[in-house]
Amino acid sequence: MTTITYHVGEHDGGFGYRLGDVWSETYPDHDSALAAAKSAAQRQHIEGRDAEISYQLADGRWQTEHADGGDRPDTEVLDDEQGNG
């Protein structure tokens, strides 16, 4: 199963959380950013509906595949301010 990791740290004059290189909005304090990251991680576990999805490949061809609404990733939140990220 896939695991996605949210990192909490200083961002844009305040604090935020990121997934990869993408940052959340800026929060005024560390605790608010940490709580928001934990909330985002929890929402990843909510099942959706099955769907057929289509997307364009780099070579211009279109790919269609079935997305299972119950296929949810594992999540974790690492607090970079505490040195565990």
C-alpha atoms as a PDB file:
ATOM      1  CA  MET A   1       0.000   0.000   0.000  1.00  0.00           C
ATOM      2  CA  THR A   2       1.132   3.542  -0.700  1.00  0.00           C
ATOM      3  CA  THR A   3       2.110   5.797   2.207  1.00  0.00           C
ATOM      4  CA  ILE A   4       1.938   9.566   1.901  1.00  0.00           C
ATOM      5  CA  THR A   5       3.740  11.811   4.347  1.00  0.00           C
ATOM      6  CA  TYR A   6       2.775  15.314   5.399  1.00  0.00           C
ATOM      7  CA  HIS A   7       5.631  17.424   6.796  1.00  0.00           C
ATOM      8  CA  VAL A   8       4.973  20.309   9.207  1.00  0.00           C
ATOM      9  CA  GLY A   9       7.437  23.188   9.367  1.00  0.00           C
ATOM     10  CA  GLU A  10       8.128  26.893   8.991  1.00  0.00           C
ATOM     11  CA  HIS A  11       6.606  28.377   5.861  1.00  0.00           C
ATOM     12  CA  ASP A  12       6.150  31.869   4.461  1.00  0.00           C
ATOM     13  CA  GLY A  13       6.504  33.750   7.750  1.00  0.00           C
ATOM     14  CA  GLY A  14       4.458  31.256   9.757  1.00  0.00           C
ATOM     15  CA  PHE A  15       3.944  27.506   9.696  1.00  0.00           C
ATOM     16  CA  GLY A  16       2.414  25.088   7.237  1.00  0.00           C
ATOM     17  CA  TYR A  17       2.420  21.523   6.091  1.00  0.00           C
ATOM     18  CA  ARG A  18       3.572  20.094   2.807  1.00  0.00           C
ATOM     19  CA  LEU A  19       3.117  17.015   0.713  1.00  0.00           C
ATOM     20  CA  GLY A  20       6.165  16.642  -1.495  1.00  0.00           C
ATOM     21  CA  ASP A  21       7.031  20.164  -2.638  1.00  0.00           C
ATOM     22  CA  VAL A  22       3.497  21.566  -2.309  1.00  0.00           C
ATOM     23  CA  TRP A  23       2.759  23.680   0.765  1.00  0.00           C
ATOM     24  CA  SER A  24      -0.546  24.333   2.475  1.00  0.00           C
ATOM     25  CA  GLU A  25      -1.761  27.778   3.347  1.00  0.00           C
ATOM     26  CA  THR A  26       0.271  29.518   6.054  1.00  0.00           C
ATOM     27  CA  TYR A  27      -0.893  29.169   9.657  1.00  0.00           C
ATOM     28  CA  PRO A  28       0.014  31.660  12.411  1.00  0.00           C
ATOM     29  CA  ASP A  29       1.507  29.044  14.735  1.00  0.00           C
ATOM     30  CA  HIS A  30       2.981  25.576  14.792  1.00  0.00           C
ATOM     31  CA  ASP A  31       0.070  23.913  16.636  1.00  0.00           C
ATOM     32  CA  SER A  32      -2.468  25.143  14.062  1.00  0.00           C
ATOM     33  CA  ALA A  33      -0.362  23.798  11.187  1.00  0.00           C
ATOM     34  CA  LEU A  34       0.137  20.464  12.950  1.00  0.00           C
ATOM     35  CA  ALA A  35      -3.610  20.116  13.599  1.00  0.00           C
ATOM     36  CA  ALA A  36      -4.371  20.944   9.947  1.00  0.00           C
ATOM     37  CA  ALA A  37      -1.844  18.358   8.726  1.00  0.00           C
ATOM     38  CA  LYS A  38      -3.377  15.686  10.954  1.00  0.00           C
ATOM     39  CA  SER A  39      -6.832  16.592   9.652  1.00  0.00           C
ATOM     40  CA  ALA A  40      -5.654  16.344   6.040  1.00  0.00           C
ATOM     41  CA  ALA A  41      -4.073  12.959   6.754  1.00  0.00           C
ATOM     42  CA  GLN A  42      -7.319  11.678   8.307  1.00  0.00           C
ATOM     43  CA  ARG A  43      -9.366  12.784   5.296  1.00  0.00           C
ATOM     44  CA  GLN A  44      -7.185  10.602   3.071  1.00  0.00           C
ATOM     45  CA  HIS A  45      -8.834   7.578   4.704  1.00  0.00           C
ATOM     46  CA  ILE A  46     -12.372   8.527   3.643  1.00  0.00           C
ATOM     47  CA  GLU A  47     -13.580   6.221   0.911  1.00  0.00           C
ATOM     48  CA  GLY A  48     -14.920   7.647  -2.297  1.00  0.00           C
ATOM     49  CA  ARG A  49     -16.804   6.108  -5.190  1.00  0.00           C
ATOM     50  CA  ASP A  50     -15.394   3.869  -7.889  1.00  0.00           C
ATOM     51  CA  ALA A  51     -14.814   5.801 -11.112  1.00  0.00           C
ATOM     52  CA  GLU A  52     -13.369   5.520 -14.564  1.00  0.00           C
ATOM     53  CA  ILE A  53     -10.666   8.153 -14.994  1.00  0.00           C
ATOM     54  CA  SER A  54      -8.953   9.374 -18.149  1.00  0.00           C
ATOM     55  CA  TYR A  55      -5.707  11.290 -18.381  1.00  0.00           C
ATOM     56  CA  GLN A  56      -3.268  12.275 -21.086  1.00  0.00           C
ATOM     57  CA  LEU A  57       0.146  10.637 -21.226  1.00  0.00           C
ATOM     58  CA  ALA A  58       3.358  12.532 -21.990  1.00  0.00           C
ATOM     59  CA  ASP A  59       3.296  11.262 -25.595  1.00  0.00           C
ATOM     60  CA  GLY A  60      -0.208  12.688 -26.161  1.00  0.00           C
ATOM     61  CA  ARG A  61      -2.132   9.399 -25.956  1.00  0.00           C
ATOM     62  CA  TRP A  62      -5.050   9.094 -23.542  1.00  0.00           C
ATOM     63  CA  GLN A  63      -5.156   6.444 -20.829  1.00  0.00           C
ATOM     64  CA  THR A  64      -8.376   5.248 -19.157  1.00  0.00           C
ATOM     65  CA  GLU A  65      -8.404   3.173 -15.994  1.00  0.00           C
ATOM     66  CA  HIS A  66     -10.668   2.125 -13.165  1.00  0.00           C
ATOM     67  CA  ALA A  67     -10.132   3.871  -9.810  1.00  0.00           C
ATOM     68  CA  ASP A  68     -11.332   1.920  -6.774  1.00  0.00           C
ATOM     69  CA  GLY A  69     -12.955   4.338  -4.324  1.00  0.00           C
ATOM     70  CA  GLY A  70     -11.895   2.135  -1.416  1.00  0.00           C
ATOM     71  CA  ASP A  71      -8.199   2.131  -2.365  1.00  0.00           C
ATOM     72  CA  ARG A  72      -6.871   4.637   0.187  1.00  0.00           C
ATOM     73  CA  PRO A  73      -3.235   5.308   1.111  1.00  0.00           C
ATOM     74  CA  ASP A  74      -1.638   5.022   4.521  1.00  0.00           C
ATOM     75  CA  THR A  75      -0.696   8.441   5.918  1.00  0.00           C
ATOM     76  CA  GLU A  76       1.756   9.877   8.386  1.00  0.00           C
ATOM     77  CA  VAL A  77       2.525  13.356   9.715  1.00  0.00           C
ATOM     78  CA  LEU A  78       6.133  14.280  10.495  1.00  0.00           C
ATOM     79  CA  ASP A  79       6.897  17.370  12.517  1.00  0.00           C
ATOM     80  CA  ASP A  80      10.057  18.843  10.950  1.00  0.00           C
ATOM     81  CA  GLU A  81      10.276  21.288  13.865  1.00  0.00           C
ATOM     82  CA  GLN A  82      10.753  18.349  16.247  1.00  0.00           C
ATOM     83  CA  GLY A  83      13.520  16.846  14.088  1.00  0.00           C
ATOM     84  CA  ASN A  84      11.618  13.742  12.990  1.00  0.00           C
ATOM     85  CA  GLY A  85      11.067  14.741   9.400  1.00  0.00           C
END
